[in-house]
Amino acid sequence: MSAKNIERLHALICRALFRINSPLDYDRTTDAIIRLCEVIQDTETDETTWWIGEDECSLADLIPAAYWHYTEWHAGQYSKGYRALSALGQIFSPGMTDGPEPETAEHDAYQALEQMAQGEQNAQIQNI
């Protein structure tokens, strides 16, 4: 694997989170986050890797944001959200922190994931 694959997946996820015409729905964004974690694990990275995508949300902001999101938005041990949380936990350890810092790119990504999840949840409720 290469850092280019990390960059491509990161850019895709950021477009899904921060663009009006998202190329992915919530479910596919979760898939992309899981895949991103797998690629990061399989790629030799250095410190510069974590600053990919500084424009709207760096990789260093996205990973903790997604981690905190999926701690609240998984549907149990056999859900895709839990698989995402587990994959994120392989590359990120929150230590003694308790969530994204307010007014940061990390918080923006966390809120974007939450809005996407709520939108999907609302759509599912309307289809019942």
C-alpha atoms as a PDB file:
ATOM      1  CA  MET A   1       0.000   0.000   0.000  1.00  0.00           C
ATOM      2  CA  SER A   2       1.068   3.565  -0.427  1.00  0.00           C
ATOM      3  CA  ALA A   3       0.529   6.977   1.066  1.00  0.00           C
ATOM      4  CA  LYS A   4      -1.298   7.861  -2.192  1.00  0.00           C
ATOM      5  CA  ASN A   5      -4.038   5.379  -1.247  1.00  0.00           C
ATOM      6  CA  ILE A   6      -4.323   7.041   2.154  1.00  0.00           C
ATOM      7  CA  GLU A   7      -4.582  10.441   0.467  1.00  0.00           C
ATOM      8  CA  ARG A   8      -7.281   9.225  -1.949  1.00  0.00           C
ATOM      9  CA  LEU A   9      -9.411   7.653   0.775  1.00  0.00           C
ATOM     10  CA  HIS A  10      -8.987  10.676   3.027  1.00  0.00           C
ATOM     11  CA  ALA A  11     -10.039  13.023   0.210  1.00  0.00           C
ATOM     12  CA  LEU A  12     -13.095  10.845  -0.572  1.00  0.00           C
ATOM     13  CA  ILE A  13     -14.193  10.804   3.064  1.00  0.00           C
ATOM     14  CA  CYS A  14     -13.713  14.564   3.385  1.00  0.00           C
ATOM     15  CA  ARG A  15     -15.797  15.145   0.240  1.00  0.00           C
ATOM     16  CA  ALA A  16     -18.496  12.945   1.780  1.00  0.00           C
ATOM     17  CA  LEU A  17     -18.420  14.927   5.021  1.00  0.00           C
ATOM     18  CA  PHE A  18     -17.897  18.487   3.858  1.00  0.00           C
ATOM     19  CA  ARG A  19     -19.586  18.797   0.445  1.00  0.00           C
ATOM     20  CA  ILE A  20     -23.240  19.417  -0.298  1.00  0.00           C
ATOM     21  CA  ASN A  21     -23.358  16.752  -2.998  1.00  0.00           C
ATOM     22  CA  SER A  22     -21.708  13.983  -1.018  1.00  0.00           C
ATOM     23  CA  PRO A  23     -20.347  11.142  -3.172  1.00  0.00           C
ATOM     24  CA  LEU A  24     -21.106   8.662  -0.350  1.00  0.00           C
ATOM     25  CA  ASP A  25     -23.984   8.012   1.997  1.00  0.00           C
ATOM     26  CA  TYR A  26     -23.362   7.314   5.690  1.00  0.00           C
ATOM     27  CA  ASP A  27     -23.046   3.560   5.210  1.00  0.00           C
ATOM     28  CA  ARG A  28     -20.499   3.912   2.403  1.00  0.00           C
ATOM     29  CA  THR A  29     -18.626   6.601   4.360  1.00  0.00           C
ATOM     30  CA  THR A  30     -18.318   4.103   7.206  1.00  0.00           C
ATOM     31  CA  ASP A  31     -16.973   1.551   4.714  1.00  0.00           C
ATOM     32  CA  ALA A  32     -14.432   4.102   3.496  1.00  0.00           C
ATOM     33  CA  ILE A  33     -13.315   4.846   7.053  1.00  0.00           C
ATOM     34  CA  ILE A  34     -12.830   1.136   7.749  1.00  0.00           C
ATOM     35  CA  ARG A  35     -10.827   0.790   4.539  1.00  0.00           C
ATOM     36  CA  LEU A  36      -8.758   3.870   5.397  1.00  0.00           C
ATOM     37  CA  CYS A  37      -7.816   2.293   8.729  1.00  0.00           C
ATOM     38  CA  GLU A  38      -6.812  -0.942   6.983  1.00  0.00           C
ATOM     39  CA  VAL A  39      -4.647   0.942   4.479  1.00  0.00           C
ATOM     40  CA  ILE A  40      -2.988   2.942   7.258  1.00  0.00           C
ATOM     41  CA  GLN A  41      -2.173  -0.290   9.091  1.00  0.00           C
ATOM     42  CA  ASP A  42      -0.707  -1.821   5.923  1.00  0.00           C
ATOM     43  CA  THR A  43       1.343   1.246   4.981  1.00  0.00           C
ATOM     44  CA  GLU A  44       4.574   2.432   6.469  1.00  0.00           C
ATOM     45  CA  THR A  45       3.766   5.967   7.552  1.00  0.00           C
ATOM     46  CA  ASP A  46       5.717   8.827   9.032  1.00  0.00           C
ATOM     47  CA  GLU A  47       4.640  11.964  10.838  1.00  0.00           C
ATOM     48  CA  THR A  48       3.937  13.836   7.590  1.00  0.00           C
ATOM     49  CA  THR A  49       1.236  11.285   6.707  1.00  0.00           C
ATOM     50  CA  TRP A  50      -0.952  12.537   9.546  1.00  0.00           C
ATOM     51  CA  TRP A  51      -1.052  16.047   8.078  1.00  0.00           C
ATOM     52  CA  ILE A  52      -2.586  14.940   4.785  1.00  0.00           C
ATOM     53  CA  GLY A  53      -5.482  17.206   3.853  1.00  0.00           C
ATOM     54  CA  GLU A  54      -4.878  20.191   6.053  1.00  0.00           C
ATOM     55  CA  ASP A  55      -7.342  22.310   4.042  1.00  0.00           C
ATOM     56  CA  GLU A  56     -10.589  21.184   5.675  1.00  0.00           C
ATOM     57  CA  CYS A  57      -9.701  18.303   7.961  1.00  0.00           C
ATOM     58  CA  SER A  58      -6.338  16.606   8.256  1.00  0.00           C
ATOM     59  CA  LEU A  59      -6.005  12.877   8.746  1.00  0.00           C
ATOM     60  CA  ALA A  60      -4.890  13.682  12.306  1.00  0.00           C
ATOM     61  CA  ASP A  61      -8.287  15.357  12.855  1.00  0.00           C
ATOM     62  CA  LEU A  62     -10.414  12.834  10.964  1.00  0.00           C
ATOM     63  CA  ILE A  63      -9.281   9.694  12.798  1.00  0.00           C
ATOM     64  CA  PRO A  64     -10.079  10.908  16.354  1.00  0.00           C
ATOM     65  CA  ALA A  65     -13.320  12.520  15.133  1.00  0.00           C
ATOM     66  CA  ALA A  66     -14.453   9.241  13.593  1.00  0.00           C
ATOM     67  CA  TYR A  67     -13.392   7.324  16.702  1.00  0.00           C
ATOM     68  CA  TRP A  68     -15.487   9.528  18.981  1.00  0.00           C
ATOM     69  CA  HIS A  69     -18.401   9.433  16.552  1.00  0.00           C
ATOM     70  CA  TYR A  70     -18.534   5.635  16.408  1.00  0.00           C
ATOM     71  CA  THR A  71     -18.294   5.330  20.195  1.00  0.00           C
ATOM     72  CA  GLU A  72     -21.759   6.904  20.188  1.00  0.00           C
ATOM     73  CA  TRP A  73     -23.175   5.704  16.862  1.00  0.00           C
ATOM     74  CA  HIS A  74     -22.629   1.967  16.673  1.00  0.00           C
ATOM     75  CA  ALA A  75     -25.478  -0.485  16.986  1.00  0.00           C
ATOM     76  CA  GLY A  76     -23.719  -3.165  18.976  1.00  0.00           C
ATOM     77  CA  GLN A  77     -20.930  -5.637  18.520  1.00  0.00           C
ATOM     78  CA  TYR A  78     -22.074  -6.946  15.139  1.00  0.00           C
ATOM     79  CA  SER A  79     -22.745  -3.582  13.501  1.00  0.00           C
ATOM     80  CA  LYS A  80     -20.720  -1.827  10.841  1.00  0.00           C
ATOM     81  CA  GLY A  81     -20.261   1.122  13.212  1.00  0.00           C
ATOM     82  CA  TYR A  82     -18.640  -1.194  15.746  1.00  0.00           C
ATOM     83  CA  ARG A  83     -16.343  -2.586  13.036  1.00  0.00           C
ATOM     84  CA  ALA A  84     -15.364   1.009  12.242  1.00  0.00           C
ATOM     85  CA  LEU A  85     -14.722   1.726  15.925  1.00  0.00           C
ATOM     86  CA  SER A  86     -12.570  -1.405  16.201  1.00  0.00           C
ATOM     87  CA  ALA A  87     -10.590  -0.500  13.063  1.00  0.00           C
ATOM     88  CA  LEU A  88     -10.065   3.032  14.358  1.00  0.00           C
ATOM     89  CA  GLY A  89      -8.957   1.648  17.716  1.00  0.00           C
ATOM     90  CA  GLN A  90      -6.177  -0.222  15.926  1.00  0.00           C
ATOM     91  CA  ILE A  91      -4.579   3.062  14.842  1.00  0.00           C
ATOM     92  CA  PHE A  92      -5.790   5.525  17.480  1.00  0.00           C
ATOM     93  CA  SER A  93      -5.800   5.337  21.242  1.00  0.00           C
ATOM     94  CA  PRO A  94      -7.673   8.181  22.946  1.00  0.00           C
ATOM     95  CA  GLY A  95      -5.784   7.921  26.218  1.00  0.00           C
ATOM     96  CA  MET A  96      -7.406  10.103  28.860  1.00  0.00           C
ATOM     97  CA  THR A  97      -9.279  12.367  26.431  1.00  0.00           C
ATOM     98  CA  ASP A  98     -13.054  12.433  26.310  1.00  0.00           C
ATOM     99  CA  GLY A  99     -14.029  13.661  22.881  1.00  0.00           C
ATOM    100  CA  PRO A 100     -13.161  16.215  20.247  1.00  0.00           C
ATOM    101  CA  GLU A 101     -12.075  19.666  21.338  1.00  0.00           C
ATOM    102  CA  PRO A 102     -14.653  22.377  20.504  1.00  0.00           C
ATOM    103  CA  GLU A 103     -13.936  24.749  17.617  1.00  0.00           C
ATOM    104  CA  THR A 104     -11.400  22.473  15.918  1.00  0.00           C
ATOM    105  CA  ALA A 105     -11.328  20.634  12.590  1.00  0.00           C
ATOM    106  CA  GLU A 106     -11.651  17.439  14.628  1.00  0.00           C
ATOM    107  CA  HIS A 107     -14.934  18.720  16.078  1.00  0.00           C
ATOM    108  CA  ASP A 108     -16.127  19.785  12.618  1.00  0.00           C
ATOM    109  CA  ALA A 109     -15.532  16.262  11.257  1.00  0.00           C
ATOM    110  CA  TYR A 110     -17.224  14.749  14.319  1.00  0.00           C
ATOM    111  CA  GLN A 111     -20.294  16.960  13.766  1.00  0.00           C
ATOM    112  CA  ALA A 112     -20.348  16.195  10.028  1.00  0.00           C
ATOM    113  CA  LEU A 113     -20.414  12.458  10.749  1.00  0.00           C
ATOM    114  CA  GLU A 114     -23.159  12.988  13.322  1.00  0.00           C
ATOM    115  CA  GLN A 115     -25.272  15.005  10.881  1.00  0.00           C
ATOM    116  CA  MET A 116     -24.795  12.353   8.215  1.00  0.00           C
ATOM    117  CA  ALA A 117     -25.818   9.611  10.683  1.00  0.00           C
ATOM    118  CA  GLN A 118     -28.858  11.572  11.851  1.00  0.00           C
ATOM    119  CA  GLY A 119     -29.914  12.185   8.264  1.00  0.00           C
ATOM    120  CA  GLU A 120     -29.769   8.473   7.517  1.00  0.00           C
ATOM    121  CA  GLN A 121     -31.581   7.629  10.736  1.00  0.00           C
ATOM    122  CA  ASN A 122     -34.348  10.121   9.882  1.00  0.00           C
ATOM    123  CA  ALA A 123     -34.653   8.669   6.368  1.00  0.00           C
ATOM    124  CA  GLN A 124     -35.005   5.159   7.806  1.00  0.00           C
ATOM    125  CA  ILE A 125     -37.724   6.317  10.202  1.00  0.00           C
ATOM    126  CA  GLN A 126     -39.646   7.954   7.344  1.00  0.00           C
ATOM    127  CA  ASN A 127     -39.498   4.699   5.363  1.00  0.00           C
ATOM    128  CA  ILE A 128     -41.145   2.727   8.173  1.00  0.00           C
END
